Amino acid sequence: MVTIYDVAEAAGVAPSTVSRTFARPGRVNADTAERIRRIAEELGYRANPIGQALATSQTKLLGLMVSDVANPFYSQLIRGAQLAATEAGYELLLADSRESGTRERTALERLVPVVEGFIIGSSRMSDSALRNVAKQRPMVVLNRALSDVPSVVTDNAAGIQAAIDLLRDLGHDSVTYVAGPEASWADGMRFRALRDLGGRAGLNIQKVGPYLPTFEGGLSASRTLLEKLPTAVIGYNDLMAIGVMHGFLREGVQIPEQVSVIGFDDILISRLVLPTLTTVAAPMRQMGATAVNNVVALMKGAKHRTGEASVMPVQLKVRGSTGQRRRKRVSPALGTTMVSGSAS
């Protein structure tokens, strides 16, 4: 293998001059640099692009951290980020924290010397830890609003309001929220919005959890919910909502005849399960692209407007998992229990 020492000897220059020719060409006389490149090509020398990148701090790499790469929620977000990064001349390094703030911090520390900027999706670290990373590299956080760090979030309150309006129209007067991870900012925002907006709408709000934001987490939640069956459930995300549905159906509970279920995210499987899942859809591909474009802008000198997160619109997708609330009533004439629909 031809090394810089071979090139330096053939060109009659110091090895450091050869290194600067490829890593920092502006610091070498143009004629000398041209001669070194010509000799290097004749000898078959190939510069190490990673070594050059680290030397100049221009690796053209962006770090994308997600909390669970197995969660379908991230597929469109990753695709949007990838397309935007390619368009801007960058590549993505994908890291998975597996729902652990400790693993997330360790991975980010390892990536700091390698990447030029970070996109952090649904972080499980503390605000102070995120701010510390932001001091080292330009960074944009997703699904988390920090006043002094660029953020991209979905309109959680609008999504909850749309879900409340639907359930009220279907005659429901109570809702049980199935909570996700305690460290999730989005989980806290969704429950607070449900508690506040639902209370104003006259709904009785209950909460179970926290549970893992997975199908298995929703399945575990269904066992608790079966002890006192609610008429309506809102899950932290689609995977949990589908897990709840599966647990109910396995025990003979009919959906939506007995229980209406709503999720968040609109992942592909929400359209494939039966009944199909009513869910709050977010533009995940657009979120990923926006985050990349913002972090690239920061790397080029743009300034963050403190306190202003980019808010992405949401849309309620009404499908088969929600329906009219059915109430039991006693027939005065027959003295028997009957089931009827109610819109009030």
Protein backbone atom coordinates (compact mmCIF):
# COMPACT_ATOMS: atom_id res chain seq x y z
CA MET A 1 0.00 0.00 0.00
CA VAL A 2 1.36 3.39 -1.02
CA THR A 3 1.66 5.82 1.91
CA ILE A 4 2.18 9.57 2.24
CA TYR A 5 5.82 8.81 3.00
CA ASP A 6 6.24 7.22 -0.45
CA VAL A 7 4.59 10.22 -2.09
CA ALA A 8 6.69 12.63 -0.02
CA GLU A 9 9.94 10.90 -1.03
CA ALA A 10 9.00 10.89 -4.72
CA ALA A 11 7.93 14.55 -4.62
CA GLY A 12 10.88 15.66 -2.54
CA VAL A 13 8.73 17.19 0.18
CA ALA A 14 7.96 16.51 3.81
CA PRO A 15 5.19 14.00 4.67
CA SER A 16 3.33 16.83 6.44
CA THR A 17 3.17 18.72 3.13
CA VAL A 18 1.55 15.73 1.45
CA SER A 19 -0.93 15.46 4.31
CA ARG A 20 -1.84 19.16 4.04
CA THR A 21 -2.24 18.86 0.26
CA PHE A 22 -5.15 16.46 0.73
CA ALA A 23 -6.52 17.66 4.08
CA ARG A 24 -5.97 21.45 3.87
CA PRO A 25 -5.15 22.27 0.23
CA GLY A 26 -5.35 26.02 0.80
CA ARG A 27 -2.25 25.86 2.98
CA VAL A 28 0.03 24.42 0.24
CA ASN A 29 1.49 26.30 -2.73
CA ALA A 30 -0.71 25.61 -5.78
CA ASP A 31 2.16 24.38 -7.99
CA THR A 32 3.48 22.13 -5.21
CA ALA A 33 0.02 20.74 -4.50
CA GLU A 34 -0.56 19.98 -8.19
CA ARG A 35 2.77 18.16 -8.43
CA ILE A 36 2.03 16.13 -5.28
CA ARG A 37 -1.37 15.08 -6.58
CA ARG A 38 0.10 14.06 -9.93
CA ILE A 39 2.80 11.95 -8.27
CA ALA A 40 0.26 10.46 -5.87
CA GLU A 41 -1.91 9.41 -8.79
CA GLU A 42 1.05 7.87 -10.62
CA LEU A 43 1.99 5.88 -7.50
CA GLY A 44 -1.62 4.81 -6.85
CA TYR A 45 -1.93 6.65 -3.53
CA ARG A 46 -5.46 7.03 -2.13
CA ALA A 47 -6.10 9.51 0.69
CA ASN A 48 -8.11 8.35 3.69
CA PRO A 49 -11.37 10.37 3.47
CA ILE A 50 -12.26 9.74 7.13
CA GLY A 51 -8.87 10.91 8.31
CA GLN A 52 -9.14 14.01 6.15
CA ALA A 53 -12.64 14.71 7.39
CA LEU A 54 -11.66 14.43 11.04
CA ALA A 55 -8.66 16.67 10.45
CA THR A 56 -10.85 19.40 8.94
CA SER A 57 -13.94 18.75 11.13
CA GLN A 58 -15.94 18.45 7.90
CA THR A 59 -17.08 14.86 7.84
CA LYS A 60 -20.33 15.59 5.97
CA LEU A 61 -22.00 13.33 8.50
CA LEU A 62 -25.08 14.05 10.64
CA GLY A 63 -26.06 11.95 13.66
CA LEU A 64 -29.70 10.87 13.93
CA MET A 65 -30.64 9.45 17.33
CA VAL A 66 -33.94 7.58 17.80
CA SER A 67 -35.37 6.02 20.95
CA ASP A 68 -36.26 2.67 19.32
CA VAL A 69 -35.28 1.87 15.75
CA ALA A 70 -37.71 -1.08 15.78
CA ASN A 71 -40.68 1.28 16.26
CA PRO A 72 -42.40 1.83 12.87
CA PHE A 73 -43.03 5.42 13.97
CA TYR A 74 -39.46 6.26 12.95
CA SER A 75 -39.48 4.78 9.43
CA GLN A 76 -40.92 7.81 7.65
CA LEU A 77 -39.01 10.23 9.88
CA ILE A 78 -35.73 8.52 8.98
CA ARG A 79 -36.63 8.51 5.28
CA GLY A 80 -37.44 12.23 5.32
CA ALA A 81 -34.20 12.99 7.15
CA GLN A 82 -32.20 10.82 4.78
CA LEU A 83 -33.59 12.48 1.64
CA ALA A 84 -33.00 15.97 3.03
CA ALA A 85 -29.46 15.07 4.12
CA THR A 86 -28.59 13.71 0.68
CA GLU A 87 -29.99 16.83 -0.96
CA ALA A 88 -27.78 18.96 1.30
CA GLY A 89 -24.68 16.84 0.58
CA TYR A 90 -24.60 14.93 3.89
CA GLU A 91 -24.98 11.35 5.07
CA LEU A 92 -26.72 10.12 8.22
CA LEU A 93 -25.32 8.01 11.02
CA LEU A 94 -28.27 6.31 12.77
CA ALA A 95 -28.07 5.52 16.49
CA ASP A 96 -30.64 3.73 18.67
CA SER A 97 -30.93 4.41 22.41
CA ARG A 98 -33.41 1.54 23.00
CA GLU A 99 -35.50 3.75 25.32
CA SER A 100 -32.52 4.38 27.60
CA GLY A 101 -31.25 7.83 28.49
CA THR A 102 -27.94 6.32 29.58
CA ARG A 103 -27.36 4.55 26.26
CA GLU A 104 -28.41 7.70 24.43
CA ARG A 105 -25.86 9.82 26.27
CA THR A 106 -23.07 7.26 25.67
CA ALA A 107 -23.81 7.07 21.95
CA LEU A 108 -23.91 10.83 21.54
CA GLU A 109 -20.60 11.24 23.33
CA ARG A 110 -19.01 8.76 20.93
CA LEU A 111 -20.48 10.53 17.90
CA VAL A 112 -19.50 14.09 18.86
CA PRO A 113 -16.01 13.84 17.28
CA VAL A 114 -17.40 12.27 14.10
CA VAL A 115 -20.52 14.22 13.09
CA GLU A 116 -21.07 17.87 12.27
CA GLY A 117 -24.57 18.06 13.74
CA PHE A 118 -27.29 16.07 15.53
CA ILE A 119 -30.99 15.34 15.10
CA ILE A 120 -32.38 13.84 18.30
CA GLY A 121 -35.72 12.03 18.00
CA SER A 122 -37.85 11.58 21.16
CA SER A 123 -34.93 11.90 23.57
CA ARG A 124 -34.99 10.12 26.93
CA MET A 125 -32.26 12.35 28.38
CA SER A 126 -32.80 15.30 30.68
CA ASP A 127 -33.08 18.85 29.37
CA SER A 128 -29.70 19.74 30.89
CA ALA A 129 -28.00 16.78 29.18
CA LEU A 130 -29.45 17.80 25.82
CA ARG A 131 -28.27 21.37 26.31
CA ASN A 132 -24.77 20.08 27.03
CA VAL A 133 -24.72 18.23 23.69
CA ALA A 134 -26.06 21.32 21.92
CA LYS A 135 -23.04 23.27 23.20
CA GLN A 136 -20.73 20.85 21.39
CA ARG A 137 -22.52 20.45 18.06
CA PRO A 138 -25.43 22.14 16.25
CA MET A 139 -28.52 20.16 17.23
CA VAL A 140 -32.26 19.93 16.58
CA VAL A 141 -34.56 17.92 18.84
CA LEU A 142 -37.77 16.22 17.70
CA ASN A 143 -40.88 15.65 19.84
CA ARG A 144 -39.40 17.77 22.60
CA ALA A 145 -39.62 21.54 23.08
CA LEU A 146 -36.59 23.26 24.63
CA SER A 147 -36.58 27.05 24.83
CA ASP A 148 -32.90 27.41 23.98
CA VAL A 149 -32.46 24.48 21.57
CA PRO A 150 -34.08 24.30 18.10
CA SER A 151 -37.07 21.96 18.30
CA VAL A 152 -39.62 20.38 15.97
CA VAL A 153 -42.82 19.08 17.58
CA THR A 154 -46.29 17.95 16.53
CA ASP A 155 -49.41 19.81 17.60
CA ASN A 156 -50.29 17.45 20.45
CA ALA A 157 -53.03 19.69 21.84
CA ALA A 158 -54.79 19.89 18.47
CA GLY A 159 -54.61 16.11 18.10
CA ILE A 160 -56.08 15.55 21.55
CA GLN A 161 -58.82 18.12 20.87
CA ALA A 162 -59.79 16.33 17.66
CA ALA A 163 -59.94 13.01 19.52
CA ILE A 164 -62.09 14.56 22.27
CA ASP A 165 -64.49 16.09 19.74
CA LEU A 166 -64.91 12.72 18.02
CA LEU A 167 -65.55 10.84 21.25
CA ARG A 168 -68.04 13.45 22.44
CA ASP A 169 -69.89 13.21 19.13
CA LEU A 170 -70.02 9.45 19.60
CA GLY A 171 -71.62 9.83 23.04
CA HIS A 172 -68.65 9.06 25.29
CA ASP A 173 -68.43 10.86 28.63
CA SER A 174 -65.19 9.32 29.91
CA VAL A 175 -61.76 8.49 28.46
CA THR A 176 -58.86 6.42 29.80
CA TYR A 177 -55.37 7.39 28.68
CA VAL A 178 -52.74 4.64 28.35
CA ALA A 179 -49.46 6.36 29.20
CA GLY A 180 -46.09 5.75 27.57
CA PRO A 181 -42.58 6.31 29.00
CA GLU A 182 -42.26 8.72 31.91
CA ALA A 183 -39.27 10.33 30.21
CA SER A 184 -41.28 11.11 27.08
CA TRP A 185 -42.06 14.81 26.63
CA ALA A 186 -44.81 13.98 24.13
CA ASP A 187 -46.48 11.63 26.61
CA GLY A 188 -46.65 14.37 29.23
CA MET A 189 -48.01 16.89 26.73
CA ARG A 190 -50.71 14.51 25.49
CA PHE A 191 -51.98 13.60 28.93
CA ARG A 192 -51.97 17.19 30.15
CA ALA A 193 -53.90 18.26 27.06
CA LEU A 194 -56.39 15.43 27.58
CA ARG A 195 -56.80 16.27 31.25
CA ASP A 196 -57.30 20.00 30.61
CA LEU A 197 -59.28 19.96 27.36
CA GLY A 198 -61.25 16.87 28.29
CA GLY A 199 -62.18 18.37 31.64
CA ARG A 200 -63.50 21.47 29.92
CA ALA A 201 -65.56 19.27 27.60
CA GLY A 202 -67.11 17.48 30.58
CA LEU A 203 -65.24 14.22 30.14
CA ASN A 204 -64.13 12.07 33.06
CA ILE A 205 -60.39 11.47 32.48
CA GLN A 206 -58.55 8.42 33.82
CA LYS A 207 -54.97 7.27 33.32
CA VAL A 208 -53.14 3.93 33.50
CA GLY A 209 -49.42 3.40 33.15
CA PRO A 210 -46.68 4.20 32.36
CA TYR A 211 -46.00 1.30 30.02
CA LEU A 212 -43.38 0.63 27.37
CA PRO A 213 -44.37 2.31 24.06
CA THR A 214 -44.67 -1.05 22.32
CA PHE A 215 -47.30 -3.59 21.32
CA GLU A 216 -46.38 -5.58 24.42
CA GLY A 217 -46.81 -2.46 26.55
CA GLY A 218 -50.33 -2.00 25.22
CA LEU A 219 -51.07 -5.67 25.82
CA SER A 220 -50.02 -5.28 29.45
CA ALA A 221 -52.23 -2.20 29.76
CA SER A 222 -55.23 -4.13 28.44
CA ARG A 223 -55.05 -6.50 31.44
CA THR A 224 -55.41 -3.55 33.80
CA LEU A 225 -58.19 -2.00 31.71
CA LEU A 226 -60.16 -5.24 31.69
CA GLU A 227 -60.58 -4.97 35.47
CA LYS A 228 -62.86 -1.98 34.91
CA LEU A 229 -63.64 -1.74 31.22
CA PRO A 230 -63.72 1.85 29.90
CA THR A 231 -65.85 2.92 26.95
CA ALA A 232 -63.02 4.88 25.29
CA VAL A 233 -59.22 4.60 25.31
CA ILE A 234 -56.52 6.89 23.92
CA GLY A 235 -53.08 5.29 23.64
CA TYR A 236 -49.79 7.16 23.80
CA ASN A 237 -48.98 5.77 20.36
CA ASP A 238 -50.36 3.38 17.74
CA LEU A 239 -48.34 0.38 18.88
CA MET A 240 -49.77 0.63 22.38
CA ALA A 241 -53.30 1.22 21.09
CA ILE A 242 -53.03 -1.87 18.88
CA GLY A 243 -51.72 -3.87 21.83
CA VAL A 244 -54.73 -2.75 23.88
CA MET A 245 -57.08 -3.74 21.06
CA HIS A 246 -55.45 -7.15 20.76
CA GLY A 247 -55.80 -7.76 24.49
CA PHE A 248 -59.47 -6.75 24.44
CA LEU A 249 -60.35 -8.83 21.39
CA ARG A 250 -58.60 -11.88 22.85
CA GLU A 251 -60.93 -11.65 25.86
CA GLY A 252 -64.04 -11.23 23.72
CA VAL A 253 -64.41 -7.46 24.12
CA GLN A 254 -65.84 -5.98 20.94
CA ILE A 255 -64.26 -2.94 19.28
CA PRO A 256 -65.79 -0.44 18.76
CA GLU A 257 -69.12 -1.81 20.01
CA GLN A 258 -67.93 -1.95 23.63
CA VAL A 259 -64.75 0.14 23.60
CA SER A 260 -63.52 2.83 21.19
CA VAL A 261 -59.72 3.03 20.79
CA ILE A 262 -57.59 5.90 19.42
CA GLY A 263 -53.83 5.99 18.85
CA PHE A 264 -51.16 8.48 17.80
CA ASP A 265 -48.77 8.48 14.79
CA ASP A 266 -50.65 6.73 11.93
CA ILE A 267 -48.03 4.04 11.34
CA LEU A 268 -48.71 1.64 8.46
CA ILE A 269 -49.98 -1.18 10.66
CA SER A 270 -52.79 1.05 11.94
CA ARG A 271 -54.38 0.66 8.51
CA LEU A 272 -53.77 -3.10 8.36
CA VAL A 273 -55.17 -4.33 11.69
CA LEU A 274 -58.86 -5.19 12.02
CA PRO A 275 -60.64 -3.12 13.01
CA THR A 276 -58.50 -0.40 11.48
CA LEU A 277 -57.22 2.07 14.05
CA THR A 278 -58.48 5.62 14.46
CA THR A 279 -55.34 7.70 15.02
CA VAL A 280 -53.83 11.17 15.13
CA ALA A 281 -51.56 11.36 12.09
CA ALA A 282 -48.41 13.49 12.01
CA PRO A 283 -46.27 14.37 8.94
CA MET A 284 -43.29 12.30 10.03
CA ARG A 285 -41.37 12.49 6.75
CA GLN A 286 -41.71 16.27 6.78
CA MET A 287 -40.54 16.38 10.40
CA GLY A 288 -37.36 14.49 9.55
CA ALA A 289 -36.64 16.72 6.57
CA THR A 290 -37.33 19.90 8.54
CA ALA A 291 -34.98 18.82 11.31
CA VAL A 292 -32.14 18.15 8.86
CA ASN A 293 -32.67 21.42 7.02
CA ASN A 294 -32.66 23.30 10.31
CA VAL A 295 -29.48 21.69 11.62
CA VAL A 296 -27.69 22.33 8.31
CA ALA A 297 -28.77 25.97 8.53
CA LEU A 298 -27.34 26.16 12.05
CA MET A 299 -24.07 24.70 10.83
CA LYS A 300 -23.93 27.45 8.23
CA GLY A 301 -24.37 30.17 10.83
CA ALA A 302 -28.14 30.58 11.22
CA LYS A 303 -29.33 31.70 14.66
CA HIS A 304 -32.04 29.97 16.68
CA ARG A 305 -35.00 32.10 17.73
CA THR A 306 -35.18 31.26 21.42
CA GLY A 307 -38.44 29.82 22.66
CA GLU A 308 -39.98 29.08 19.28
CA ALA A 309 -40.41 25.41 18.34
CA SER A 310 -41.49 24.46 14.83
CA VAL A 311 -44.98 22.97 15.23
CA MET A 312 -46.18 20.42 12.68
CA PRO A 313 -49.92 20.07 12.02
CA VAL A 314 -51.76 16.83 12.77
CA GLN A 315 -54.90 15.22 11.38
CA LEU A 316 -57.33 12.78 12.97
CA LYS A 317 -57.83 9.70 10.78
CA VAL A 318 -61.22 8.21 11.73
CA ARG A 319 -61.35 4.47 11.09
CA GLY A 320 -63.01 1.35 12.41
CA SER A 321 -61.81 1.32 16.04
CA THR A 322 -64.16 4.12 17.16
CA GLY A 323 -67.94 3.99 17.26
CA GLN A 324 -71.11 5.09 18.99
CA ARG A 325 -71.13 4.51 22.70
CA ARG A 326 -73.64 1.85 23.71
CA ARG A 327 -75.40 2.11 27.03
CA LYS A 328 -77.22 -0.55 28.98
CA ARG A 329 -80.76 0.32 30.00
CA VAL A 330 -83.62 -1.55 31.64
CA SER A 331 -86.90 -1.90 29.77
CA PRO A 332 -89.76 -0.91 32.16
CA ALA A 333 -92.22 -3.18 30.43
CA LEU A 334 -90.13 -6.32 30.23
CA GLY A 335 -87.71 -5.81 33.10
CA THR A 336 -84.86 -6.95 30.87
CA THR A 337 -81.52 -5.35 30.05
CA MET A 338 -81.20 -3.93 26.55
CA VAL A 339 -78.34 -2.24 24.71
CA SER A 340 -78.88 0.95 22.77
CA GLY A 341 -76.76 3.49 20.97
CA SER A 342 -76.53 7.05 22.26
CA ALA A 343 -75.34 10.26 20.71
CA SER A 344 -75.62 12.36 23.82
